[in-house]
Amino acid sequence: MKKISVLASLLFAYAAAFAQQSAPVEMADEMRSSGKIYVVIATIVIIFTGLAIYLFSIDRRLKKIEKEK
């Protein structure tokens, strides 16, 4: 029963997302034309890469501590 309710809620959210009409985004077009969008994308990529490296290093440390015990 729980799986069915989760599935129904996901399907409802999926249908609601596609029911909205898309309006043109002027800010994105302006940033793309001036080249600033690439700075934003590069910043996001750097942040996510840093987070991934940090999480992998923590995972390695934890595995090392677990093997010692």
Protein backbone atom coordinates (compact mmCIF):
# COMPACT_ATOMS: atom_id res chain seq x y z
CA MET A 1 0.00 0.00 0.00
CA LYS A 2 2.85 2.38 0.85
CA LYS A 3 4.55 1.73 -2.50
CA ILE A 4 1.35 2.49 -4.38
CA SER A 5 0.86 5.79 -2.56
CA VAL A 6 4.47 6.82 -3.24
CA LEU A 7 4.11 5.88 -6.89
CA ALA A 8 0.85 7.83 -7.18
CA SER A 9 2.38 10.92 -5.61
CA LEU A 10 5.38 10.75 -7.94
CA LEU A 11 3.14 10.40 -10.97
CA PHE A 12 1.07 13.36 -9.80
CA ALA A 13 4.20 15.48 -9.36
CA TYR A 14 5.42 14.41 -12.82
CA ALA A 15 2.12 15.39 -14.43
CA ALA A 16 2.02 18.70 -12.57
CA ALA A 17 5.53 19.58 -13.72
CA PHE A 18 4.65 19.12 -17.38
CA ALA A 19 1.29 20.85 -17.07
CA GLN A 20 2.96 24.21 -16.49
CA GLN A 21 3.50 26.38 -19.52
CA SER A 22 7.05 27.42 -20.16
CA ALA A 23 7.73 31.13 -20.33
CA PRO A 24 10.90 32.53 -21.85
CA VAL A 25 13.56 33.27 -19.28
CA GLU A 26 15.01 36.67 -20.12
CA MET A 27 17.72 36.60 -17.46
CA ALA A 28 19.19 33.36 -18.81
CA ASP A 29 19.23 34.70 -22.37
CA GLU A 30 20.96 37.88 -21.24
CA MET A 31 23.58 35.98 -19.23
CA ARG A 32 24.19 33.61 -22.13
CA SER A 33 24.66 36.46 -24.61
CA SER A 34 27.14 38.27 -22.35
CA GLY A 35 29.05 35.08 -21.48
CA LYS A 36 28.38 35.28 -17.74
CA ILE A 37 26.49 31.99 -17.72
CA TYR A 38 29.78 30.16 -18.23
CA VAL A 39 31.18 31.74 -15.07
CA VAL A 40 28.14 30.54 -13.13
CA ILE A 41 28.43 27.02 -14.54
CA ALA A 42 32.17 26.90 -13.81
CA THR A 43 31.58 28.01 -10.23
CA ILE A 44 28.93 25.33 -9.69
CA VAL A 45 31.19 22.66 -11.18
CA ILE A 46 34.08 23.71 -8.93
CA ILE A 47 31.87 23.61 -5.83
CA PHE A 48 30.45 20.16 -6.63
CA THR A 49 33.91 18.80 -7.47
CA GLY A 50 35.24 20.07 -4.16
CA LEU A 51 32.36 18.49 -2.27
CA ALA A 52 32.88 15.16 -4.06
CA ILE A 53 36.61 15.13 -3.27
CA TYR A 54 35.89 16.01 0.37
CA LEU A 55 33.31 13.22 0.71
CA PHE A 56 35.60 10.63 -0.88
CA SER A 57 38.44 11.62 1.45
CA ILE A 58 36.16 11.26 4.48
CA ASP A 59 35.06 7.85 3.19
CA ARG A 60 38.66 6.71 2.87
CA ARG A 61 39.45 7.85 6.40
CA LEU A 62 36.43 6.03 7.79
CA LYS A 63 37.36 2.83 6.00
CA LYS A 64 40.87 3.09 7.41
CA ILE A 65 39.52 3.58 10.96
CA GLU A 66 37.11 0.64 10.55
CA LYS A 67 39.91 -1.68 9.40
CA GLU A 68 42.00 -0.76 12.43
CA LYS A 69 39.27 -1.85 14.85
